[in-house]
Amino acid sequence: MSSVLKTENLSFAYERINVLENISFDVQAGDYVGIIGPNGGGKTTLLKVILGLEKGKGSIRWFGTPSAQFKDWWKIGYLAQKSPVSQSRFPISAEEVVLMGLAERCGSGVSVGELKSIYEAMQQTNTRQYVGKLFHDLSIGQQQRVLLARALVSRPQVLILDEPSTALDASSREMFFNLLGELNQKHGVTILLITHDTGEVGKHISKFMYIDKRLVFFGTKEEFCHSPEVAKQLGAFAQHTIDHLHNRHGHCPLGDSCVECHHD
């Protein structure tokens, strides 16, 4: 697998208050990374820095190219924690929201090719039935899937999401995370996802990243399971619950000796 995103000694401070300290990691093509950590630990800031929305210190390379020289931003789809579109009553249709995600549009009209891309993204996110409907009339869960279609319409190779499930009910969360899992598994989209919804996302991700100003942990779910640093931060019970390795139907790396798998 090839490197998609690599950082070395990435740091960031707000008015001399350190938010990120010497963060180094390497995300490979096809990874699905769940980014977790305490509130105020720097997770959202990390995404903003790697996307160039905030300027930090250190090295960032996208697809092997230094961030300052990287031009192919269409390869990266981004779903922010709070979308201005969701908070607006502007009379815009669902498909017009998706259209906003097309990079480097030319002219005011919509081409046949652009329409095809819009409808494919909406089909992919199960939102095709909302064509012609006003965005603000949709439920929060429906809006999130339309915004996901906007992030996917340029056919990105990497999808970055910041707390996408915060306002969703249980059934909408499950549907949303299943959709992300399908994008990763069937379409090969590399995903970086900030979430507090560890119970749901742990079913799908391939790697965990734990951020608390510094990089506490980055690795596979199996490595997460055995990490003493994670145990210090979360406690053993939480550590062995959110990775979804410890259940009777899974493949726990601890085997029959695992108490979590075999308790009544």
Protein backbone atom coordinates (compact mmCIF):
# COMPACT_ATOMS: atom_id res chain seq x y z
CA MET A 1 0.00 0.00 0.00
CA SER A 2 1.12 3.56 -0.69
CA SER A 3 1.20 6.50 1.68
CA VAL A 4 -1.77 8.86 1.42
CA LEU A 5 -1.02 11.22 4.31
CA LYS A 6 2.21 11.46 6.27
CA THR A 7 3.01 13.96 9.02
CA GLU A 8 6.28 14.44 10.86
CA ASN A 9 6.64 16.45 14.07
CA LEU A 10 3.43 18.36 13.41
CA SER A 11 2.76 21.04 16.04
CA PHE A 12 0.27 23.86 16.47
CA ALA A 13 -0.38 26.53 19.10
CA TYR A 14 -3.06 29.14 19.73
CA GLU A 15 -1.48 32.25 21.22
CA ARG A 16 1.47 30.24 22.58
CA ILE A 17 -0.80 27.57 24.07
CA ASN A 18 0.23 24.22 22.61
CA VAL A 19 -2.65 22.31 21.03
CA LEU A 20 -0.66 19.74 19.05
CA GLU A 21 2.84 18.56 19.92
CA ASN A 22 5.12 16.60 17.56
CA ILE A 23 2.45 14.50 15.85
CA SER A 24 3.87 11.93 13.41
CA PHE A 25 1.88 9.25 11.58
CA ASP A 26 1.49 7.66 8.15
CA VAL A 27 -1.95 6.81 6.73
CA GLN A 28 -1.90 4.21 3.97
CA ALA A 29 -4.28 3.89 1.02
CA GLY A 30 -7.38 1.96 2.10
CA ASP A 31 -7.02 2.73 5.82
CA TYR A 32 -10.11 3.59 7.84
CA VAL A 33 -8.83 5.56 10.82
CA GLY A 34 -11.03 6.34 13.82
CA ILE A 35 -9.63 9.42 15.59
CA ILE A 36 -10.54 9.54 19.26
CA GLY A 37 -9.46 11.44 22.35
CA PRO A 38 -10.77 13.83 25.02
CA ASN A 39 -12.55 17.11 24.32
CA GLY A 40 -9.92 19.80 23.81
CA GLY A 41 -7.32 17.20 22.85
CA GLY A 42 -6.71 18.75 19.42
CA LYS A 43 -8.58 16.35 17.11
CA THR A 44 -10.44 18.98 15.08
CA THR A 45 -7.36 21.21 15.02
CA LEU A 46 -5.36 18.29 13.60
CA LEU A 47 -7.78 17.96 10.68
CA LYS A 48 -7.72 21.70 10.02
CA VAL A 49 -3.92 21.73 9.98
CA ILE A 50 -3.55 18.79 7.61
CA LEU A 51 -6.15 20.38 5.30
CA GLY A 52 -4.32 23.73 5.33
CA LEU A 53 -7.15 25.54 7.13
CA GLU A 54 -4.73 26.31 9.97
CA LYS A 55 -0.97 26.67 9.67
CA GLY A 56 1.16 24.53 11.94
CA LYS A 57 4.81 23.56 12.16
CA GLY A 58 6.29 20.34 10.87
CA SER A 59 5.90 18.31 7.70
CA ILE A 60 2.69 17.27 5.91
CA ARG A 61 2.78 15.20 2.73
CA TRP A 62 -0.27 14.25 0.65
CA PHE A 63 0.35 11.32 -1.71
CA GLY A 64 4.08 11.90 -1.26
CA THR A 65 3.90 15.62 -2.12
CA PRO A 66 4.59 18.38 0.43
CA SER A 67 1.31 20.04 1.40
CA ALA A 68 2.45 23.48 0.16
CA GLN A 69 3.00 22.03 -3.31
CA PHE A 70 -0.04 19.75 -3.41
CA LYS A 71 -2.55 20.77 -6.08
CA ASP A 72 -4.95 17.82 -6.37
CA TRP A 73 -7.29 18.80 -3.53
CA TRP A 74 -10.19 17.19 -5.40
CA LYS A 75 -8.74 13.90 -4.15
CA ILE A 76 -9.84 14.86 -0.63
CA GLY A 77 -13.47 15.12 0.51
CA TYR A 78 -14.21 16.92 3.78
CA LEU A 79 -17.30 16.92 5.97
CA ALA A 80 -16.87 19.52 8.71
CA GLN A 81 -18.35 19.32 12.19
CA LYS A 82 -20.73 22.21 11.52
CA SER A 83 -21.82 22.98 7.98
CA PRO A 84 -23.07 26.52 7.22
CA VAL A 85 -25.54 24.93 4.79
CA SER A 86 -27.21 22.95 7.60
CA GLN A 87 -27.65 26.10 9.68
CA SER A 88 -29.15 28.14 6.85
CA ARG A 89 -32.78 28.50 5.73
CA PHE A 90 -31.63 29.46 2.24
CA PRO A 91 -33.95 27.80 -0.31
CA ILE A 92 -31.46 25.44 -1.90
CA SER A 93 -32.30 21.97 -3.15
CA ALA A 94 -30.56 18.77 -2.08
CA GLU A 95 -28.92 18.32 -5.49
CA GLU A 96 -27.71 21.94 -5.48
CA VAL A 97 -25.96 21.23 -2.18
CA VAL A 98 -24.23 18.25 -3.77
CA LEU A 99 -23.28 20.41 -6.78
CA MET A 100 -21.34 22.70 -4.41
CA GLY A 101 -18.85 19.88 -3.89
CA LEU A 102 -17.69 19.76 -7.49
CA ALA A 103 -14.17 21.12 -7.79
CA GLU A 104 -13.10 23.61 -10.47
CA ARG A 105 -16.52 24.18 -11.99
CA CYS A 106 -16.61 26.27 -15.16
CA GLY A 107 -19.55 28.53 -16.02
CA SER A 108 -22.90 29.04 -14.34
CA GLY A 109 -24.77 26.16 -15.98
CA VAL A 110 -24.64 22.49 -15.05
CA SER A 111 -23.22 20.13 -17.63
CA VAL A 112 -24.45 16.64 -18.41
CA GLY A 113 -21.25 15.25 -16.88
CA GLU A 114 -21.79 17.22 -13.68
CA LEU A 115 -25.39 16.04 -13.43
CA LYS A 116 -24.19 12.47 -13.81
CA SER A 117 -21.65 12.96 -11.02
CA ILE A 118 -24.31 14.51 -8.76
CA TYR A 119 -26.77 11.68 -9.26
CA GLU A 120 -24.08 9.02 -8.83
CA ALA A 121 -23.00 10.56 -5.51
CA MET A 122 -26.62 10.75 -4.36
CA GLN A 123 -27.22 7.16 -5.43
CA GLN A 124 -24.12 6.11 -3.53
CA THR A 125 -25.38 7.78 -0.34
CA ASN A 126 -29.03 6.72 -0.70
CA THR A 127 -30.19 10.31 -1.22
CA ARG A 128 -31.39 10.16 -4.84
CA GLN A 129 -35.00 10.32 -3.63
CA TYR A 130 -34.37 13.81 -2.24
CA VAL A 131 -33.78 15.36 -5.68
CA GLY A 132 -36.02 18.42 -5.99
CA LYS A 133 -36.55 18.71 -2.23
CA LEU A 134 -35.38 21.70 -0.22
CA PHE A 135 -32.36 20.86 1.86
CA HIS A 136 -33.66 22.54 5.03
CA ASP A 137 -36.85 20.46 4.86
CA LEU A 138 -34.88 17.23 5.25
CA SER A 139 -34.25 15.55 8.61
CA ILE A 140 -30.83 15.93 10.21
CA GLY A 141 -29.89 12.38 9.20
CA GLN A 142 -30.99 13.00 5.62
CA GLN A 143 -29.05 16.27 5.53
CA GLN A 144 -25.89 14.52 6.73
CA ARG A 145 -26.14 11.97 3.93
CA VAL A 146 -26.64 14.78 1.38
CA LEU A 147 -23.57 16.55 2.78
CA LEU A 148 -21.69 13.26 2.49
CA ALA A 149 -22.75 13.13 -1.17
CA ARG A 150 -21.34 16.65 -1.57
CA ALA A 151 -18.03 15.44 -0.12
CA LEU A 152 -18.03 12.46 -2.52
CA VAL A 153 -19.19 14.11 -5.73
CA SER A 154 -15.65 14.83 -6.97
CA ARG A 155 -14.83 11.14 -6.42
CA PRO A 156 -12.16 11.76 -3.76
CA GLN A 157 -9.66 9.11 -2.77
CA VAL A 158 -9.66 10.32 0.84
CA LEU A 159 -12.67 11.24 2.98
CA ILE A 160 -12.20 13.30 6.17
CA LEU A 161 -15.09 13.67 8.61
CA ASP A 162 -15.37 15.57 11.89
CA GLU A 163 -18.03 14.19 14.27
CA PRO A 164 -20.55 13.45 11.49
CA SER A 165 -22.94 11.55 13.78
CA THR A 166 -23.29 14.07 16.63
CA ALA A 167 -26.93 15.02 15.98
CA LEU A 168 -28.14 11.70 14.56
CA ASP A 169 -30.51 9.28 16.26
CA ALA A 170 -29.47 5.65 16.79
CA SER A 171 -30.89 4.26 13.54
CA SER A 172 -29.48 7.14 11.48
CA ARG A 173 -26.05 6.67 13.08
CA GLU A 174 -26.02 2.99 12.25
CA MET A 175 -27.04 3.68 8.65
CA PHE A 176 -24.41 6.43 8.31
CA PHE A 177 -21.54 4.33 9.66
CA ASN A 178 -22.59 1.33 7.57
CA LEU A 179 -22.45 3.60 4.53
CA LEU A 180 -18.94 4.78 5.42
CA GLY A 181 -17.86 1.18 5.94
CA GLU A 182 -19.15 0.30 2.48
CA LEU A 183 -17.30 3.24 0.91
CA ASN A 184 -14.10 2.01 2.50
CA GLN A 185 -14.51 -1.71 1.87
CA LYS A 186 -16.14 -1.74 -1.57
CA HIS A 187 -14.84 1.47 -3.12
CA GLY A 188 -11.42 1.71 -1.47
CA VAL A 189 -11.94 5.21 -0.06
CA THR A 190 -9.39 6.05 2.65
CA ILE A 191 -11.25 7.51 5.64
CA LEU A 192 -10.17 9.62 8.62
CA LEU A 193 -13.02 10.08 11.07
CA ILE A 194 -13.22 11.97 14.34
CA THR A 195 -15.90 10.50 16.56
CA HIS A 196 -17.03 10.05 20.13
CA ASP A 197 -19.39 7.32 18.92
CA THR A 198 -16.80 4.61 19.54
CA GLY A 199 -19.39 1.88 20.02
CA GLU A 200 -20.56 2.12 16.42
CA VAL A 201 -17.43 3.15 14.53
CA GLY A 202 -15.32 0.40 16.10
CA LYS A 203 -17.19 -2.15 13.98
CA HIS A 204 -15.83 -0.72 10.74
CA ILE A 205 -12.46 0.97 11.22
CA SER A 206 -9.11 -0.69 10.60
CA LYS A 207 -6.99 1.63 12.77
CA PHE A 208 -7.30 3.86 15.82
CA MET A 209 -5.62 7.20 16.43
CA TYR A 210 -5.73 8.59 19.96
CA ILE A 211 -4.91 12.30 20.22
CA ASP A 212 -4.46 14.26 23.44
CA LYS A 213 -2.23 17.12 22.27
CA ARG A 214 0.35 14.45 21.50
CA LEU A 215 -0.10 11.22 19.60
CA VAL A 216 -0.89 8.72 22.32
CA PHE A 217 -1.55 5.86 19.91
CA PHE A 218 -1.75 5.08 16.19
CA GLY A 219 -2.13 1.54 14.91
CA THR A 220 -4.41 -1.40 14.19
CA LYS A 221 -7.27 -2.48 16.41
CA GLU A 222 -5.21 -5.47 17.56
CA GLU A 223 -2.36 -3.15 18.57
CA PHE A 224 -4.87 -0.85 20.26
CA CYS A 225 -6.07 -3.82 22.28
CA HIS A 226 -2.60 -4.46 23.72
CA SER A 227 -1.39 -0.85 24.11
CA PRO A 228 -0.41 0.09 27.69
CA GLU A 229 -0.67 3.78 26.72
CA VAL A 230 -4.31 3.31 25.71
CA ALA A 231 -5.00 1.40 28.92
CA LYS A 232 -3.63 4.34 30.92
CA GLN A 233 -5.87 6.80 29.09
CA LEU A 234 -9.11 4.80 28.86
CA GLY A 235 -8.86 2.03 31.42
CA ALA A 236 -8.79 -1.65 30.48
CA PHE A 237 -12.56 -2.08 30.24
CA ALA A 238 -13.08 0.72 27.70
CA GLN A 239 -9.96 -0.33 25.82
CA HIS A 240 -11.37 -3.82 25.30
CA THR A 241 -14.90 -2.64 24.50
CA ILE A 242 -14.57 -0.04 21.76
CA ASP A 243 -12.29 -2.08 19.49
CA HIS A 244 -15.04 -4.68 18.83
CA LEU A 245 -12.53 -7.50 18.97
CA HIS A 246 -13.86 -8.88 22.24
CA ASN A 247 -17.07 -10.73 21.52
CA ARG A 248 -18.14 -14.30 21.10
CA HIS A 249 -18.57 -13.90 17.35
CA GLY A 250 -15.36 -12.00 16.65
CA HIS A 251 -11.71 -12.98 16.51
CA CYS A 252 -10.20 -11.70 19.71
CA PRO A 253 -6.40 -11.68 19.66
CA LEU A 254 -6.37 -12.83 23.29
CA GLY A 255 -8.25 -16.04 22.47
CA ASP A 256 -9.93 -18.07 25.22
CA SER A 257 -7.99 -16.21 27.91
CA CYS A 258 -9.91 -12.97 27.27
CA VAL A 259 -12.26 -12.19 30.15
CA GLU A 260 -14.20 -9.64 28.10
CA CYS A 261 -15.17 -12.18 25.43
CA HIS A 262 -16.36 -14.87 27.77
CA HIS A 263 -18.08 -13.06 30.62
CA ASP A 264 -21.80 -13.71 31.14
